[in-house]
Amino acid sequence: MKIRLADIAHARSGDKADWVDFGVFAWNAAGYAVLVRELSAERVQAHFAPWLPGEVDCWPLPNILAIKLVLHNALQGGGARNLRMDNLGKSMAAALLRMSIDVSEAELAQCNDQPRIGWWP
């Protein structure tokens, strides 16, 4: 089945000069297993293809159930230089979280049944 990345993860993002970086964090270990399989540099490049002529770097961070992504040449010369409206990292993170990923019903059930991990009680 297809779900949005936002159904199993959240993201933090930033931009500097002409690159954007994301930290995509799974809510739990089951979600991280899906992230590692579904969230590759190639998939992210394809998702942003209309905006992104540059490369994507991807690093798994299993100790914090996250994947770090860096999108090079993502802002057409830099945030202040391009003509796109919502060009900054935060809006691109929201666009990334709308990416469709494949999960089985069992995987989705595991993602939903495991408690969320975070700093809150």
Protein backbone atom coordinates (compact mmCIF):
# COMPACT_ATOMS: atom_id res chain seq x y z
CA MET A 1 0.00 0.00 0.00
CA LYS A 2 1.03 3.64 -0.47
CA ILE A 3 1.31 6.07 2.42
CA ARG A 4 2.86 9.50 2.84
CA LEU A 5 6.26 9.68 4.47
CA ALA A 6 4.62 11.98 7.04
CA ASP A 7 2.55 9.02 8.30
CA ILE A 8 5.65 7.42 9.85
CA ALA A 9 8.18 10.26 10.22
CA HIS A 10 8.77 13.95 10.81
CA ALA A 11 11.52 16.23 9.52
CA ARG A 12 13.76 19.11 10.45
CA SER A 13 15.43 21.13 7.74
CA GLY A 14 17.67 24.02 6.93
CA ASP A 15 19.18 25.78 3.97
CA LYS A 16 22.51 27.46 3.40
CA ALA A 17 23.73 29.05 0.18
CA ASP A 18 22.57 26.66 -2.55
CA TRP A 19 21.87 23.50 -0.59
CA VAL A 20 19.12 22.17 1.64
CA ASP A 21 19.56 19.58 4.33
CA PHE A 22 16.92 17.43 5.97
CA GLY A 23 16.87 15.23 9.00
CA VAL A 24 14.02 12.76 8.56
CA PHE A 25 13.18 11.09 11.88
CA ALA A 26 11.08 7.95 12.27
CA TRP A 27 8.70 7.92 15.21
CA ASN A 28 9.91 4.44 16.21
CA ALA A 29 12.13 1.52 15.17
CA ALA A 30 9.48 0.01 12.88
CA GLY A 31 9.22 3.29 11.01
CA TYR A 32 13.00 3.54 10.75
CA ALA A 33 13.18 0.13 9.07
CA VAL A 34 10.78 1.44 6.42
CA LEU A 35 12.72 4.72 6.06
CA VAL A 36 15.99 2.91 5.42
CA ARG A 37 14.37 0.87 2.67
CA GLU A 38 12.26 3.59 1.03
CA LEU A 39 14.16 6.86 1.48
CA SER A 40 17.20 6.71 -0.80
CA ALA A 41 19.15 9.48 -2.50
CA GLU A 42 17.72 8.33 -5.85
CA ARG A 43 14.11 8.44 -4.62
CA VAL A 44 14.56 11.91 -3.14
CA GLN A 45 16.24 13.13 -6.35
CA ALA A 46 13.29 11.80 -8.37
CA HIS A 47 10.76 13.37 -5.99
CA PHE A 48 12.36 16.80 -6.39
CA ALA A 49 13.37 16.40 -10.05
CA PRO A 50 11.52 19.53 -11.29
CA TRP A 51 13.43 21.69 -8.78
CA LEU A 52 16.66 19.85 -8.19
CA PRO A 53 19.41 19.65 -10.81
CA GLY A 54 22.02 18.71 -8.22
CA GLU A 55 23.03 15.57 -6.36
CA VAL A 56 21.53 14.16 -3.18
CA ASP A 57 23.66 12.72 -0.38
CA CYS A 58 22.07 10.32 2.09
CA TRP A 59 23.37 9.06 5.45
CA PRO A 60 21.52 6.65 7.74
CA LEU A 61 21.72 7.57 11.43
CA PRO A 62 20.40 4.47 13.22
CA ASN A 63 21.23 5.65 16.74
CA ILE A 64 18.63 8.41 16.42
CA LEU A 65 16.27 6.60 13.97
CA ALA A 66 16.97 9.23 11.31
CA ILE A 67 18.25 9.75 7.80
CA LYS A 68 20.21 12.87 6.89
CA LEU A 69 19.79 14.15 3.34
CA VAL A 70 21.70 16.95 1.66
CA LEU A 71 20.36 18.35 -1.62
CA HIS A 72 23.03 20.19 -3.62
CA ASN A 73 22.12 23.01 -6.06
CA ALA A 74 18.62 22.95 -4.59
CA LEU A 75 17.97 26.71 -4.46
CA GLN A 76 18.97 27.84 -7.95
CA GLY A 77 21.96 29.80 -6.75
CA GLY A 78 20.83 30.49 -3.18
CA GLY A 79 17.76 31.48 -1.22
CA ALA A 80 18.03 35.19 -2.01
CA ARG A 81 18.86 34.72 -5.70
CA ASN A 82 16.08 32.52 -7.09
CA LEU A 83 12.54 33.41 -8.10
CA ARG A 84 10.69 30.49 -6.50
CA MET A 85 8.19 31.49 -3.85
CA ASP A 86 8.55 28.96 -1.02
CA ASN A 87 12.11 28.01 -1.72
CA LEU A 88 13.54 27.52 1.73
CA GLY A 89 14.34 24.26 3.46
CA LYS A 90 11.22 24.24 5.60
CA SER A 91 8.85 24.21 2.67
CA MET A 92 10.99 21.59 0.91
CA ALA A 93 10.81 19.41 4.04
CA ALA A 94 7.02 19.65 3.90
CA ALA A 95 7.16 18.62 0.24
CA LEU A 96 9.41 15.68 1.12
CA LEU A 97 6.97 14.50 3.80
CA ARG A 98 4.28 14.29 1.11
CA MET A 99 6.35 11.73 -0.83
CA SER A 100 4.56 8.40 -1.30
CA ILE A 101 6.26 5.29 0.01
CA ASP A 102 5.34 1.61 -0.12
CA VAL A 103 4.55 -0.37 3.02
CA SER A 104 2.76 -3.59 3.72
CA GLU A 105 -0.28 -3.60 6.00
CA ALA A 106 1.80 -5.45 8.61
CA GLU A 107 4.57 -2.82 8.46
CA LEU A 108 2.08 0.02 8.84
CA ALA A 109 0.47 -1.76 11.78
CA GLN A 110 3.90 -2.10 13.44
CA CYS A 111 4.63 1.58 12.83
CA ASN A 112 1.32 2.54 14.41
CA ASP A 113 1.48 0.04 17.30
CA GLN A 114 4.99 0.79 18.55
CA PRO A 115 5.19 3.75 20.93
CA ARG A 116 6.65 6.96 19.57
CA ILE A 117 10.14 7.80 20.76
CA GLY A 118 10.87 11.38 21.74
CA TRP A 119 11.79 13.78 24.48
CA TRP A 120 8.19 14.26 25.60
CA PRO A 121 6.65 12.09 28.37
